[in-house]
Amino acid sequence: MKKLASLLLCTILVTGCSIETVEPEKPIKEEIIVEKVVEFEPRNVEANYIVVDSERLNVRIAADVDSEKVGLVLENETYQVLEDKLDSQKRIWYKIETKEGTKGYVAGWFCAKTNITIFVEAESATILDIETQPIPRYVDNPFDEDNVRVGDQIVGFVIKEISQIADLNKITFEGEVELTGNYYHENSNLSFGRVVRFVPDEASSVLLPRNKQEVASTVFILGDYDKVADKFGNIGTTGYATITIKNYTIGYGDADAYNQAEMVHVIVE
């Protein structure tokens, strides 16, 4: 009886239980990322830089003399050229980024551009060529001083007098023009000492006549110093102004030659 009970108990236990089959875990496949190594290809790279050739030069939001001013750069400063662009008169402008981080355009006719060609390899770079380009001069009025007469018209001016004293030649123009640019109230090396010197900016530099001997210069001093000096602060003062002038005179042929004009009106910023 005990054997039967034991057998029955074993039967109950066996039939009441099930054996759980455990499958072995599948191995996890690691995803292997293979980075494709691109072999560096040696090549030539060009970099363009400009050096500012003006005491102060406006940075404008667009390649146009009438566009908004967004910054200022100074003489001999160097900037990488981000873009070249021509304006409506086919004059070149360079897009740069100033030291303050402002991006804008500067007039190419106040900048000396240098092109640098570099051969770049995986672990070295070699300068192949450095080419400095002449500063472009967008002046359609350089007149021949030996072949002009009183009454000739140069841009918006008319020649009213041609004179010569010793080695100094002068051509005086009749007409008025409004200019923008930088003024310098200073003691100069000229014989009469204190002067107000005016440097037209890129928007105004093309508005003044120039002769072939001085085609690059439109800088002038204001005549009648005693009457205009108080408009420009004390000696040593510099700034930006809008000025209307008349009787613009070009002087040339002598070491002490200079351009001069009479002031009609000025607004100092």
C-alpha atoms as a PDB file:
ATOM      1  CA  MET A   1       0.000   0.000   0.000  1.00  0.00           C
ATOM      2  CA  LYS A   2       2.827   2.305   0.899  1.00  0.00           C
ATOM      3  CA  LYS A   3       4.482   1.435  -2.394  1.00  0.00           C
ATOM      4  CA  LEU A   4       1.294   2.280  -4.277  1.00  0.00           C
ATOM      5  CA  ALA A   5       0.931   5.564  -2.466  1.00  0.00           C
ATOM      6  CA  SER A   6       4.489   6.401  -3.229  1.00  0.00           C
ATOM      7  CA  LEU A   7       4.043   5.489  -6.867  1.00  0.00           C
ATOM      8  CA  LEU A   8       0.809   7.508  -7.060  1.00  0.00           C
ATOM      9  CA  LEU A   9       2.519  10.480  -5.459  1.00  0.00           C
ATOM     10  CA  CYS A  10       5.354  10.269  -7.914  1.00  0.00           C
ATOM     11  CA  THR A  11       2.875  10.039 -10.778  1.00  0.00           C
ATOM     12  CA  ILE A  12       1.025  13.114  -9.531  1.00  0.00           C
ATOM     13  CA  LEU A  13       4.261  14.997  -9.128  1.00  0.00           C
ATOM     14  CA  VAL A  14       5.483  14.029 -12.565  1.00  0.00           C
ATOM     15  CA  THR A  15       2.220  14.831 -14.347  1.00  0.00           C
ATOM     16  CA  GLY A  16       1.734  18.097 -12.439  1.00  0.00           C
ATOM     17  CA  CYS A  17       5.087  19.513 -13.319  1.00  0.00           C
ATOM     18  CA  SER A  18       6.536  20.515 -16.632  1.00  0.00           C
ATOM     19  CA  ILE A  19      10.130  20.810 -17.558  1.00  0.00           C
ATOM     20  CA  GLU A  20      11.102  24.380 -18.764  1.00  0.00           C
ATOM     21  CA  THR A  21      13.378  24.293 -21.683  1.00  0.00           C
ATOM     22  CA  VAL A  22      15.916  27.168 -21.568  1.00  0.00           C
ATOM     23  CA  GLU A  23      17.345  28.149 -24.924  1.00  0.00           C
ATOM     24  CA  PRO A  24      20.919  29.337 -24.901  1.00  0.00           C
ATOM     25  CA  GLU A  25      21.354  33.089 -25.395  1.00  0.00           C
ATOM     26  CA  LYS A  26      22.296  34.151 -28.865  1.00  0.00           C
ATOM     27  CA  PRO A  27      25.623  35.944 -29.012  1.00  0.00           C
ATOM     28  CA  ILE A  28      25.261  39.748 -29.482  1.00  0.00           C
ATOM     29  CA  LYS A  29      26.790  40.855 -32.727  1.00  0.00           C
ATOM     30  CA  GLU A  30      28.862  43.986 -32.281  1.00  0.00           C
ATOM     31  CA  GLU A  31      28.340  46.568 -35.024  1.00  0.00           C
ATOM     32  CA  ILE A  32      31.689  47.402 -36.443  1.00  0.00           C
ATOM     33  CA  ILE A  33      31.963  50.895 -37.896  1.00  0.00           C
ATOM     34  CA  VAL A  34      34.641  51.101 -40.498  1.00  0.00           C
ATOM     35  CA  GLU A  35      35.823  54.645 -41.158  1.00  0.00           C
ATOM     36  CA  LYS A  36      36.823  55.189 -44.709  1.00  0.00           C
ATOM     37  CA  VAL A  37      40.150  56.933 -44.781  1.00  0.00           C
ATOM     38  CA  VAL A  38      40.265  59.473 -47.572  1.00  0.00           C
ATOM     39  CA  GLU A  39      43.735  60.031 -48.807  1.00  0.00           C
ATOM     40  CA  PHE A  40      44.690  63.743 -48.817  1.00  0.00           C
ATOM     41  CA  GLU A  41      45.149  65.041 -52.309  1.00  0.00           C
ATOM     42  CA  PRO A  42      47.859  67.706 -52.660  1.00  0.00           C
ATOM     43  CA  ARG A  43      46.560  70.858 -54.338  1.00  0.00           C
ATOM     44  CA  ASN A  44      47.077  74.552 -54.917  1.00  0.00           C
ATOM     45  CA  VAL A  45      45.155  76.956 -52.704  1.00  0.00           C
ATOM     46  CA  GLU A  46      44.772  80.677 -53.352  1.00  0.00           C
ATOM     47  CA  ALA A  47      44.440  83.272 -50.607  1.00  0.00           C
ATOM     48  CA  ASN A  48      43.773  86.956 -51.305  1.00  0.00           C
ATOM     49  CA  TYR A  49      44.584  89.836 -48.976  1.00  0.00           C
ATOM     50  CA  ILE A  50      44.334  93.604 -49.127  1.00  0.00           C
ATOM     51  CA  VAL A  51      46.310  96.349 -47.428  1.00  0.00           C
ATOM     52  CA  VAL A  52      44.395  99.576 -46.808  1.00  0.00           C
ATOM     53  CA  ASP A  53      45.960 102.518 -48.664  1.00  0.00           C
ATOM     54  CA  SER A  54      43.931 105.306 -47.047  1.00  0.00           C
ATOM     55  CA  GLU A  55      44.198 106.944 -43.649  1.00  0.00           C
ATOM     56  CA  ARG A  56      40.581 105.972 -42.935  1.00  0.00           C
ATOM     57  CA  LEU A  57      38.366 103.905 -45.206  1.00  0.00           C
ATOM     58  CA  ASN A  58      34.645 103.222 -44.848  1.00  0.00           C
ATOM     59  CA  VAL A  59      33.261  99.706 -44.675  1.00  0.00           C
ATOM     60  CA  ARG A  60      29.839  99.650 -46.333  1.00  0.00           C
ATOM     61  CA  ILE A  61      27.007  97.163 -46.184  1.00  0.00           C
ATOM     62  CA  ALA A  62      26.965  96.836 -49.992  1.00  0.00           C
ATOM     63  CA  ALA A  63      29.384  97.446 -52.867  1.00  0.00           C
ATOM     64  CA  ASP A  64      28.110 100.958 -53.504  1.00  0.00           C
ATOM     65  CA  VAL A  65      29.325 104.412 -52.479  1.00  0.00           C
ATOM     66  CA  ASP A  66      25.799 105.327 -51.376  1.00  0.00           C
ATOM     67  CA  SER A  67      25.214 102.284 -49.169  1.00  0.00           C
ATOM     68  CA  GLU A  68      25.161 102.384 -45.380  1.00  0.00           C
ATOM     69  CA  LYS A  69      28.461 102.636 -43.490  1.00  0.00           C
ATOM     70  CA  VAL A  70      28.917  99.776 -41.025  1.00  0.00           C
ATOM     71  CA  GLY A  71      32.537 100.196 -40.007  1.00  0.00           C
ATOM     72  CA  LEU A  72      35.919 101.816 -40.526  1.00  0.00           C
ATOM     73  CA  VAL A  73      39.400 100.473 -41.290  1.00  0.00           C
ATOM     74  CA  LEU A  74      42.722 102.276 -41.093  1.00  0.00           C
ATOM     75  CA  GLU A  75      45.819 102.701 -43.226  1.00  0.00           C
ATOM     76  CA  ASN A  76      48.180  99.716 -43.542  1.00  0.00           C
ATOM     77  CA  GLU A  77      45.736  97.299 -41.928  1.00  0.00           C
ATOM     78  CA  THR A  78      45.552  93.902 -43.642  1.00  0.00           C
ATOM     79  CA  TYR A  79      42.408  91.875 -44.304  1.00  0.00           C
ATOM     80  CA  GLN A  80      41.577  88.641 -46.094  1.00  0.00           C
ATOM     81  CA  VAL A  81      39.319  89.096 -49.105  1.00  0.00           C
ATOM     82  CA  LEU A  82      36.083  87.155 -48.736  1.00  0.00           C
ATOM     83  CA  GLU A  83      34.612  88.222 -52.067  1.00  0.00           C
ATOM     84  CA  ASP A  84      35.233  90.515 -55.062  1.00  0.00           C
ATOM     85  CA  LYS A  85      32.309  92.482 -56.453  1.00  0.00           C
ATOM     86  CA  LEU A  86      31.847  95.149 -59.130  1.00  0.00           C
ATOM     87  CA  ASP A  87      29.502  98.084 -58.651  1.00  0.00           C
ATOM     88  CA  SER A  88      27.298  99.687 -61.298  1.00  0.00           C
ATOM     89  CA  GLN A  89      30.294 101.611 -62.656  1.00  0.00           C
ATOM     90  CA  LYS A  90      32.439  98.462 -62.942  1.00  0.00           C
ATOM     91  CA  ARG A  91      34.608  99.457 -59.982  1.00  0.00           C
ATOM     92  CA  ILE A  92      35.876  96.676 -57.763  1.00  0.00           C
ATOM     93  CA  TRP A  93      34.975  96.288 -54.095  1.00  0.00           C
ATOM     94  CA  TYR A  94      36.377  93.796 -51.591  1.00  0.00           C
ATOM     95  CA  LYS A  95      34.280  92.098 -48.947  1.00  0.00           C
ATOM     96  CA  ILE A  96      36.165  91.744 -45.670  1.00  0.00           C
ATOM     97  CA  GLU A  97      35.560  91.018 -42.009  1.00  0.00           C
ATOM     98  CA  THR A  98      36.807  93.736 -39.670  1.00  0.00           C
ATOM     99  CA  LYS A  99      38.615  93.115 -36.408  1.00  0.00           C
ATOM    100  CA  GLU A 100      35.313  93.762 -34.648  1.00  0.00           C
ATOM    101  CA  GLY A 101      33.667  90.970 -36.640  1.00  0.00           C
ATOM    102  CA  THR A 102      31.660  93.199 -38.991  1.00  0.00           C
ATOM    103  CA  LYS A 103      31.430  92.064 -42.608  1.00  0.00           C
ATOM    104  CA  GLY A 104      31.179  94.633 -45.386  1.00  0.00           C
ATOM    105  CA  TYR A 105      32.725  96.072 -48.527  1.00  0.00           C
ATOM    106  CA  VAL A 106      35.639  98.473 -48.996  1.00  0.00           C
ATOM    107  CA  ALA A 107      36.467 100.387 -52.166  1.00  0.00           C
ATOM    108  CA  GLY A 108      39.140  98.617 -54.191  1.00  0.00           C
ATOM    109  CA  TRP A 109      40.656 101.870 -55.405  1.00  0.00           C
ATOM    110  CA  PHE A 110      41.944 102.464 -51.880  1.00  0.00           C
ATOM    111  CA  CYS A 111      43.432  98.994 -51.398  1.00  0.00           C
ATOM    112  CA  ALA A 112      46.522  97.122 -52.545  1.00  0.00           C
ATOM    113  CA  LYS A 113      45.637  93.499 -53.232  1.00  0.00           C
ATOM    114  CA  THR A 114      48.009  90.554 -52.921  1.00  0.00           C
ATOM    115  CA  ASN A 115      47.293  87.091 -54.294  1.00  0.00           C
ATOM    116  CA  ILE A 116      49.134  84.210 -52.646  1.00  0.00           C
ATOM    117  CA  THR A 117      49.266  80.724 -54.210  1.00  0.00           C
ATOM    118  CA  ILE A 118      50.119  77.912 -51.768  1.00  0.00           C
ATOM    119  CA  PHE A 119      50.819  74.251 -52.542  1.00  0.00           C
ATOM    120  CA  VAL A 120      49.257  72.250 -49.706  1.00  0.00           C
ATOM    121  CA  GLU A 121      50.269  68.684 -48.880  1.00  0.00           C
ATOM    122  CA  ALA A 122      49.182  66.410 -46.023  1.00  0.00           C
ATOM    123  CA  GLU A 123      51.750  67.728 -43.568  1.00  0.00           C
ATOM    124  CA  SER A 124      53.250  70.783 -45.230  1.00  0.00           C
ATOM    125  CA  ALA A 125      52.522  73.874 -47.279  1.00  0.00           C
ATOM    126  CA  THR A 126      54.743  75.761 -49.690  1.00  0.00           C
ATOM    127  CA  ILE A 127      54.221  79.269 -51.035  1.00  0.00           C
ATOM    128  CA  LEU A 128      54.484  79.085 -54.809  1.00  0.00           C
ATOM    129  CA  ASP A 129      53.734  82.655 -55.819  1.00  0.00           C
ATOM    130  CA  ILE A 130      52.996  86.088 -54.356  1.00  0.00           C
ATOM    131  CA  GLU A 131      51.503  88.616 -56.741  1.00  0.00           C
ATOM    132  CA  THR A 132      50.830  92.196 -55.663  1.00  0.00           C
ATOM    133  CA  GLN A 133      48.410  93.988 -57.940  1.00  0.00           C
ATOM    134  CA  PRO A 134      48.552  97.730 -58.604  1.00  0.00           C
ATOM    135  CA  ILE A 135      45.847  99.789 -56.930  1.00  0.00           C
ATOM    136  CA  PRO A 136      43.088 100.352 -59.501  1.00  0.00           C
ATOM    137  CA  ARG A 137      42.398 103.975 -60.404  1.00  0.00           C
ATOM    138  CA  TYR A 138      38.851 104.537 -61.571  1.00  0.00           C
ATOM    139  CA  VAL A 139      39.300 108.053 -62.848  1.00  0.00           C
ATOM    140  CA  ASP A 140      37.866 109.024 -66.194  1.00  0.00           C
ATOM    141  CA  ASN A 141      39.128 112.555 -65.953  1.00  0.00           C
ATOM    142  CA  PRO A 142      42.938 112.622 -65.734  1.00  0.00           C
ATOM    143  CA  PHE A 143      43.546 115.567 -68.006  1.00  0.00           C
ATOM    144  CA  ASP A 144      46.782 116.461 -69.729  1.00  0.00           C
ATOM    145  CA  GLU A 145      47.928 119.661 -68.050  1.00  0.00           C
ATOM    146  CA  ASP A 146      49.868 120.654 -71.174  1.00  0.00           C
ATOM    147  CA  ASN A 147      46.798 120.531 -73.403  1.00  0.00           C
ATOM    148  CA  VAL A 148      44.005 122.209 -71.436  1.00  0.00           C
ATOM    149  CA  ARG A 149      42.689 125.731 -71.768  1.00  0.00           C
ATOM    150  CA  VAL A 150      40.598 128.132 -69.746  1.00  0.00           C
ATOM    151  CA  GLY A 151      36.955 127.157 -70.287  1.00  0.00           C
ATOM    152  CA  ASP A 152      37.582 123.412 -70.584  1.00  0.00           C
ATOM    153  CA  GLN A 153      35.235 121.300 -68.488  1.00  0.00           C
ATOM    154  CA  ILE A 154      36.603 118.494 -66.328  1.00  0.00           C
ATOM    155  CA  VAL A 155      33.891 116.462 -64.583  1.00  0.00           C
ATOM    156  CA  GLY A 156      31.606 119.070 -62.975  1.00  0.00           C
ATOM    157  CA  PHE A 157      34.170 121.870 -63.025  1.00  0.00           C
ATOM    158  CA  VAL A 158      35.296 124.469 -65.550  1.00  0.00           C
ATOM    159  CA  ILE A 159      38.899 125.687 -65.746  1.00  0.00           C
ATOM    160  CA  LYS A 160      38.920 129.391 -64.961  1.00  0.00           C
ATOM    161  CA  GLU A 161      42.654 130.084 -64.531  1.00  0.00           C
ATOM    162  CA  ILE A 162      45.999 128.533 -65.457  1.00  0.00           C
ATOM    163  CA  SER A 163      49.080 130.093 -63.889  1.00  0.00           C
ATOM    164  CA  GLN A 164      52.757 129.459 -63.250  1.00  0.00           C
ATOM    165  CA  ILE A 165      55.105 130.992 -60.690  1.00  0.00           C
ATOM    166  CA  ALA A 166      58.684 129.754 -60.966  1.00  0.00           C
ATOM    167  CA  ASP A 167      58.430 125.942 -60.811  1.00  0.00           C
ATOM    168  CA  LEU A 168      54.946 125.917 -59.333  1.00  0.00           C
ATOM    169  CA  ASN A 169      51.982 125.400 -61.689  1.00  0.00           C
ATOM    170  CA  LYS A 170      48.359 125.941 -60.733  1.00  0.00           C
ATOM    171  CA  ILE A 171      45.048 125.169 -62.419  1.00  0.00           C
ATOM    172  CA  THR A 172      41.967 126.650 -60.753  1.00  0.00           C
ATOM    173  CA  PHE A 173      38.456 125.338 -61.392  1.00  0.00           C
ATOM    174  CA  GLU A 174      35.145 127.098 -61.124  1.00  0.00           C
ATOM    175  CA  GLY A 175      32.214 125.232 -59.616  1.00  0.00           C
ATOM    176  CA  GLU A 176      30.995 123.793 -56.321  1.00  0.00           C
ATOM    177  CA  VAL A 177      30.893 120.224 -55.100  1.00  0.00           C
ATOM    178  CA  GLU A 178      29.828 118.501 -51.891  1.00  0.00           C
ATOM    179  CA  LEU A 179      32.328 115.994 -50.547  1.00  0.00           C
ATOM    180  CA  THR A 180      32.531 113.590 -47.619  1.00  0.00           C
ATOM    181  CA  GLY A 181      35.756 112.537 -45.981  1.00  0.00           C
ATOM    182  CA  ASN A 182      38.206 113.029 -43.162  1.00  0.00           C
ATOM    183  CA  TYR A 183      39.694 116.303 -41.980  1.00  0.00           C
ATOM    184  CA  TYR A 184      42.946 116.913 -40.116  1.00  0.00           C
ATOM    185  CA  HIS A 185      43.551 120.171 -38.247  1.00  0.00           C
ATOM    186  CA  GLU A 186      47.306 120.139 -37.967  1.00  0.00           C
ATOM    187  CA  ASN A 187      50.683 121.754 -38.150  1.00  0.00           C
ATOM    188  CA  SER A 188      52.006 120.799 -41.570  1.00  0.00           C
ATOM    189  CA  ASN A 189      55.364 120.850 -43.287  1.00  0.00           C
ATOM    190  CA  LEU A 190      54.102 123.506 -45.671  1.00  0.00           C
ATOM    191  CA  SER A 191      55.585 126.977 -45.454  1.00  0.00           C
ATOM    192  CA  PHE A 192      52.514 128.505 -43.800  1.00  0.00           C
ATOM    193  CA  GLY A 193      52.317 125.973 -40.957  1.00  0.00           C
ATOM    194  CA  ARG A 194      48.808 125.393 -39.558  1.00  0.00           C
ATOM    195  CA  VAL A 195      46.276 123.941 -42.006  1.00  0.00           C
ATOM    196  CA  VAL A 196      43.028 122.055 -42.259  1.00  0.00           C
ATOM    197  CA  ARG A 197      43.685 119.138 -44.590  1.00  0.00           C
ATOM    198  CA  PHE A 198      40.791 117.259 -46.171  1.00  0.00           C
ATOM    199  CA  VAL A 199      40.965 113.702 -47.535  1.00  0.00           C
ATOM    200  CA  PRO A 200      37.922 112.788 -49.673  1.00  0.00           C
ATOM    201  CA  ASP A 201      36.594 109.295 -49.066  1.00  0.00           C
ATOM    202  CA  GLU A 202      35.832 106.666 -51.709  1.00  0.00           C
ATOM    203  CA  ALA A 203      32.468 108.227 -52.484  1.00  0.00           C
ATOM    204  CA  SER A 204      33.994 111.639 -53.202  1.00  0.00           C
ATOM    205  CA  SER A 205      37.408 110.861 -54.614  1.00  0.00           C
ATOM    206  CA  VAL A 206      35.978 110.392 -58.101  1.00  0.00           C
ATOM    207  CA  LEU A 207      34.230 113.778 -58.092  1.00  0.00           C
ATOM    208  CA  LEU A 208      37.337 115.938 -58.306  1.00  0.00           C
ATOM    209  CA  PRO A 209      39.451 116.659 -61.402  1.00  0.00           C
ATOM    210  CA  ARG A 210      43.042 115.445 -61.439  1.00  0.00           C
ATOM    211  CA  ASN A 211      45.934 115.868 -63.767  1.00  0.00           C
ATOM    212  CA  LYS A 212      48.143 113.074 -65.041  1.00  0.00           C
ATOM    213  CA  GLN A 213      51.010 114.058 -62.755  1.00  0.00           C
ATOM    214  CA  GLU A 214      48.877 113.711 -59.614  1.00  0.00           C
ATOM    215  CA  VAL A 215      46.240 111.229 -60.724  1.00  0.00           C
ATOM    216  CA  ALA A 216      46.305 109.350 -57.427  1.00  0.00           C
ATOM    217  CA  SER A 217      45.731 112.365 -55.180  1.00  0.00           C
ATOM    218  CA  THR A 218      42.629 114.353 -54.306  1.00  0.00           C
ATOM    219  CA  VAL A 219      43.842 115.564 -50.919  1.00  0.00           C
ATOM    220  CA  PHE A 220      43.605 119.330 -50.467  1.00  0.00           C
ATOM    221  CA  ILE A 221      43.908 122.035 -47.824  1.00  0.00           C
ATOM    222  CA  LEU A 222      41.367 124.734 -47.107  1.00  0.00           C
ATOM    223  CA  GLY A 223      42.310 128.292 -47.923  1.00  0.00           C
ATOM    224  CA  ASP A 224      41.730 131.272 -45.616  1.00  0.00           C
ATOM    225  CA  TYR A 225      42.755 129.291 -42.560  1.00  0.00           C
ATOM    226  CA  ASP A 226      41.833 131.987 -40.029  1.00  0.00           C
ATOM    227  CA  LYS A 227      38.193 131.954 -41.184  1.00  0.00           C
ATOM    228  CA  VAL A 228      37.696 128.185 -41.213  1.00  0.00           C
ATOM    229  CA  ALA A 229      39.927 126.952 -38.387  1.00  0.00           C
ATOM    230  CA  ASP A 230      37.327 127.303 -35.625  1.00  0.00           C
ATOM    231  CA  LYS A 231      34.995 124.913 -37.488  1.00  0.00           C
ATOM    232  CA  PHE A 232      37.418 122.047 -37.000  1.00  0.00           C
ATOM    233  CA  GLY A 233      38.379 122.199 -33.331  1.00  0.00           C
ATOM    234  CA  ASN A 234      41.838 122.665 -31.894  1.00  0.00           C
ATOM    235  CA  ILE A 235      45.155 121.770 -33.516  1.00  0.00           C
ATOM    236  CA  GLY A 236      45.425 117.996 -33.525  1.00  0.00           C
ATOM    237  CA  THR A 237      41.701 117.406 -34.046  1.00  0.00           C
ATOM    238  CA  THR A 238      40.639 114.896 -36.695  1.00  0.00           C
ATOM    239  CA  GLY A 239      37.195 113.720 -37.742  1.00  0.00           C
ATOM    240  CA  TYR A 240      34.655 113.068 -40.467  1.00  0.00           C
ATOM    241  CA  ALA A 241      32.752 115.822 -42.250  1.00  0.00           C
ATOM    242  CA  THR A 242      30.545 116.733 -45.177  1.00  0.00           C
ATOM    243  CA  ILE A 243      31.966 119.790 -46.876  1.00  0.00           C
ATOM    244  CA  THR A 244      31.031 121.979 -49.831  1.00  0.00           C
ATOM    245  CA  ILE A 245      33.934 123.623 -51.648  1.00  0.00           C
ATOM    246  CA  LYS A 246      34.561 125.956 -54.580  1.00  0.00           C
ATOM    247  CA  ASN A 247      37.558 127.265 -56.511  1.00  0.00           C
ATOM    248  CA  TYR A 248      39.344 123.932 -56.373  1.00  0.00           C
ATOM    249  CA  THR A 249      42.990 124.408 -57.355  1.00  0.00           C
ATOM    250  CA  ILE A 250      45.499 121.782 -58.392  1.00  0.00           C
ATOM    251  CA  GLY A 251      49.144 122.589 -57.720  1.00  0.00           C
ATOM    252  CA  TYR A 252      51.960 120.598 -59.299  1.00  0.00           C
ATOM    253  CA  GLY A 253      55.543 120.710 -60.487  1.00  0.00           C
ATOM    254  CA  ASP A 254      57.165 121.773 -57.215  1.00  0.00           C
ATOM    255  CA  ALA A 255      58.192 119.903 -54.082  1.00  0.00           C
ATOM    256  CA  ASP A 256      55.882 122.133 -52.023  1.00  0.00           C
ATOM    257  CA  ALA A 257      52.942 121.845 -54.427  1.00  0.00           C
ATOM    258  CA  TYR A 258      49.530 121.145 -52.958  1.00  0.00           C
ATOM    259  CA  ASN A 259      45.853 121.209 -53.879  1.00  0.00           C
ATOM    260  CA  GLN A 260      43.649 123.844 -52.314  1.00  0.00           C
ATOM    261  CA  ALA A 261      39.965 124.846 -52.130  1.00  0.00           C
ATOM    262  CA  GLU A 262      37.702 127.439 -50.547  1.00  0.00           C
ATOM    263  CA  MET A 263      35.134 126.198 -48.050  1.00  0.00           C
ATOM    264  CA  VAL A 264      31.502 127.148 -48.599  1.00  0.00           C
ATOM    265  CA  HIS A 265      29.849 125.056 -45.909  1.00  0.00           C
ATOM    266  CA  VAL A 266      30.744 122.205 -43.551  1.00  0.00           C
ATOM    267  CA  ILE A 267      28.925 119.754 -41.287  1.00  0.00           C
ATOM    268  CA  VAL A 268      31.281 118.040 -38.836  1.00  0.00           C
ATOM    269  CA  GLU A 269      30.073 114.680 -37.553  1.00  0.00           C
END
